[in-house]
Amino acid sequence: MLKGTKSWWLYRYDHVPDQHLRAFEAVRDQNLRTGRAWAIKETLRELWDDRSVAWARKFFKDWFG
């Protein structure tokens, strides 16, 4: 099921190429560990948007807790 999907998991959701989007969504929604890891990566992407270390720490503690 995952064969040939390696590069898809490296994209941000809004940057997945249109020609692969439907197939990616189908694989992502299969409740696989790979999909869960990708979702965690996407959530933690918000960490880099924080303007200060204190806000980044708060975000991480809230997310991890």
N, C-alpha and C. Protein backbone atom coordinates (compact mmCIF):
# COMPACT_ATOMS: atom_id res chain seq x y z
N MET A 1 0.82 -1.20 0.00
CA MET A 1 0.00 0.00 0.00
C MET A 1 0.87 1.27 0.00
N LEU A 2 1.99 1.23 0.69
CA LEU A 2 2.83 2.42 0.80
C LEU A 2 3.87 2.53 -0.32
N LYS A 3 3.97 1.51 -1.13
CA LYS A 3 4.98 1.51 -2.19
C LYS A 3 4.78 2.71 -3.12
N GLY A 4 5.84 3.48 -3.30
CA GLY A 4 5.79 4.64 -4.20
C GLY A 4 5.26 5.91 -3.57
N THR A 5 5.02 5.90 -2.25
CA THR A 5 4.45 7.08 -1.60
C THR A 5 5.45 7.85 -0.76
N LYS A 6 6.70 7.43 -0.75
CA LYS A 6 7.70 8.02 0.14
C LYS A 6 7.75 9.55 0.04
N SER A 7 7.81 10.08 -1.16
CA SER A 7 7.94 11.53 -1.31
C SER A 7 6.69 12.28 -0.88
N TRP A 8 5.54 11.67 -0.93
CA TRP A 8 4.29 12.34 -0.53
C TRP A 8 4.34 12.75 0.92
N TRP A 9 4.93 11.92 1.77
CA TRP A 9 4.95 12.18 3.21
C TRP A 9 5.86 13.34 3.58
N LEU A 10 6.72 13.75 2.67
CA LEU A 10 7.63 14.86 2.94
C LEU A 10 6.98 16.22 2.67
N TYR A 11 5.90 16.23 1.93
CA TYR A 11 5.22 17.49 1.58
C TYR A 11 4.36 18.00 2.74
N ARG A 12 4.19 19.33 2.77
CA ARG A 12 3.12 19.90 3.57
C ARG A 12 1.83 19.53 2.87
N TYR A 13 0.74 19.45 3.59
CA TYR A 13 -0.52 19.04 2.97
C TYR A 13 -0.89 19.94 1.80
N ASP A 14 -0.71 21.24 1.97
CA ASP A 14 -1.11 22.17 0.90
C ASP A 14 -0.12 22.22 -0.26
N HIS A 15 0.97 21.45 -0.19
CA HIS A 15 1.93 21.40 -1.28
C HIS A 15 1.99 20.04 -1.97
N VAL A 16 1.14 19.12 -1.59
CA VAL A 16 1.09 17.83 -2.28
C VAL A 16 0.63 18.11 -3.72
N PRO A 17 1.38 17.62 -4.72
CA PRO A 17 0.99 17.89 -6.11
C PRO A 17 -0.44 17.42 -6.40
N ASP A 18 -1.13 18.21 -7.19
CA ASP A 18 -2.54 17.92 -7.49
C ASP A 18 -2.74 16.52 -8.07
N GLN A 19 -1.80 16.07 -8.89
CA GLN A 19 -1.98 14.75 -9.52
C GLN A 19 -1.86 13.61 -8.52
N HIS A 20 -1.33 13.88 -7.32
CA HIS A 20 -1.17 12.83 -6.30
C HIS A 20 -2.11 13.03 -5.10
N LEU A 21 -2.83 14.11 -5.07
CA LEU A 21 -3.61 14.47 -3.89
C LEU A 21 -4.64 13.41 -3.50
N ARG A 22 -5.44 12.95 -4.44
CA ARG A 22 -6.47 11.94 -4.12
C ARG A 22 -5.86 10.64 -3.61
N ALA A 23 -4.82 10.20 -4.28
CA ALA A 23 -4.16 8.95 -3.86
C ALA A 23 -3.53 9.13 -2.48
N PHE A 24 -2.91 10.29 -2.26
CA PHE A 24 -2.30 10.56 -0.96
C PHE A 24 -3.35 10.55 0.14
N GLU A 25 -4.47 11.22 -0.09
CA GLU A 25 -5.53 11.26 0.92
C GLU A 25 -6.06 9.85 1.21
N ALA A 26 -6.17 9.02 0.19
CA ALA A 26 -6.66 7.65 0.39
C ALA A 26 -5.69 6.85 1.27
N VAL A 27 -4.39 7.00 1.03
CA VAL A 27 -3.40 6.28 1.84
C VAL A 27 -3.35 6.88 3.24
N ARG A 28 -3.39 8.19 3.32
CA ARG A 28 -3.32 8.88 4.62
C ARG A 28 -4.46 8.45 5.54
N ASP A 29 -5.62 8.23 4.99
CA ASP A 29 -6.80 7.91 5.78
C ASP A 29 -6.91 6.44 6.15
N GLN A 30 -5.90 5.64 5.88
CA GLN A 30 -5.94 4.20 6.18
C GLN A 30 -5.55 3.86 7.61
N ASN A 31 -5.35 4.84 8.46
CA ASN A 31 -5.03 4.63 9.88
C ASN A 31 -3.72 3.84 10.05
N LEU A 32 -2.72 4.23 9.28
CA LEU A 32 -1.41 3.61 9.37
C LEU A 32 -0.49 4.44 10.27
N ARG A 33 0.54 3.81 10.79
CA ARG A 33 1.50 4.55 11.62
C ARG A 33 2.19 5.66 10.82
N THR A 34 2.40 5.43 9.55
CA THR A 34 3.01 6.45 8.69
C THR A 34 2.13 7.69 8.63
N GLY A 35 0.84 7.50 8.51
CA GLY A 35 -0.09 8.62 8.49
C GLY A 35 -0.12 9.36 9.81
N ARG A 36 -0.02 8.63 10.89
CA ARG A 36 0.01 9.27 12.21
C ARG A 36 1.28 10.10 12.38
N ALA A 37 2.42 9.56 11.96
CA ALA A 37 3.68 10.29 12.05
C ALA A 37 3.62 11.55 11.19
N TRP A 38 3.03 11.46 10.02
CA TRP A 38 2.88 12.63 9.15
C TRP A 38 2.00 13.68 9.81
N ALA A 39 0.91 13.27 10.44
CA ALA A 39 0.02 14.21 11.12
C ALA A 39 0.74 14.91 12.27
N ILE A 40 1.57 14.18 12.99
CA ILE A 40 2.36 14.80 14.07
C ILE A 40 3.31 15.83 13.48
N LYS A 41 3.98 15.48 12.38
CA LYS A 41 4.89 16.41 11.71
C LYS A 41 4.16 17.68 11.31
N GLU A 42 2.98 17.53 10.76
CA GLU A 42 2.20 18.70 10.32
C GLU A 42 1.78 19.56 11.51
N THR A 43 1.42 18.95 12.62
CA THR A 43 1.03 19.69 13.81
C THR A 43 2.21 20.46 14.38
N LEU A 44 3.35 19.80 14.44
CA LEU A 44 4.54 20.45 15.00
C LEU A 44 5.10 21.53 14.09
N ARG A 45 4.67 21.57 12.85
CA ARG A 45 5.09 22.63 11.93
C ARG A 45 4.73 24.00 12.51
N GLU A 46 3.64 24.08 13.26
CA GLU A 46 3.22 25.33 13.89
C GLU A 46 4.26 25.85 14.88
N LEU A 47 5.05 24.95 15.43
CA LEU A 47 6.07 25.33 16.40
C LEU A 47 7.03 26.35 15.81
N TRP A 48 7.35 26.22 14.54
CA TRP A 48 8.30 27.12 13.90
C TRP A 48 7.71 28.50 13.61
N ASP A 49 6.41 28.65 13.73
CA ASP A 49 5.77 29.95 13.50
C ASP A 49 5.81 30.84 14.73
N ASP A 50 6.13 30.27 15.88
CA ASP A 50 6.17 31.06 17.12
C ASP A 50 7.34 32.04 17.07
N ARG A 51 7.07 33.25 17.58
CA ARG A 51 8.07 34.31 17.49
C ARG A 51 9.09 34.27 18.62
N SER A 52 8.81 33.59 19.69
CA SER A 52 9.75 33.55 20.80
C SER A 52 9.92 32.11 21.30
N VAL A 53 11.00 31.91 21.97
CA VAL A 53 11.28 30.59 22.54
C VAL A 53 10.24 30.24 23.59
N ALA A 54 9.81 31.23 24.37
CA ALA A 54 8.82 30.98 25.42
C ALA A 54 7.51 30.47 24.82
N TRP A 55 7.05 31.11 23.73
CA TRP A 55 5.80 30.66 23.09
C TRP A 55 5.97 29.27 22.47
N ALA A 56 7.15 29.01 21.92
CA ALA A 56 7.41 27.69 21.34
C ALA A 56 7.39 26.62 22.43
N ARG A 57 8.00 26.93 23.58
CA ARG A 57 7.98 25.98 24.69
C ARG A 57 6.55 25.72 25.17
N LYS A 58 5.76 26.79 25.29
CA LYS A 58 4.37 26.65 25.73
C LYS A 58 3.60 25.77 24.74
N PHE A 59 3.75 26.06 23.44
CA PHE A 59 3.07 25.26 22.42
C PHE A 59 3.44 23.79 22.55
N PHE A 60 4.75 23.51 22.69
CA PHE A 60 5.20 22.13 22.78
C PHE A 60 4.68 21.45 24.03
N LYS A 61 4.74 22.15 25.16
CA LYS A 61 4.23 21.56 26.41
C LYS A 61 2.75 21.27 26.32
N ASP A 62 1.98 22.20 25.74
CA ASP A 62 0.54 21.97 25.56
C ASP A 62 0.29 20.80 24.63
N TRP A 63 1.06 20.73 23.55
CA TRP A 63 0.88 19.66 22.58
C TRP A 63 1.28 18.31 23.17
N PHE A 64 2.41 18.28 23.85
CA PHE A 64 2.93 17.03 24.39
C PHE A 64 2.14 16.55 25.60
N GLY A 65 1.64 17.51 26.37
CA GLY A 65 0.91 17.15 27.59
C GLY A 65 -0.44 16.63 27.28
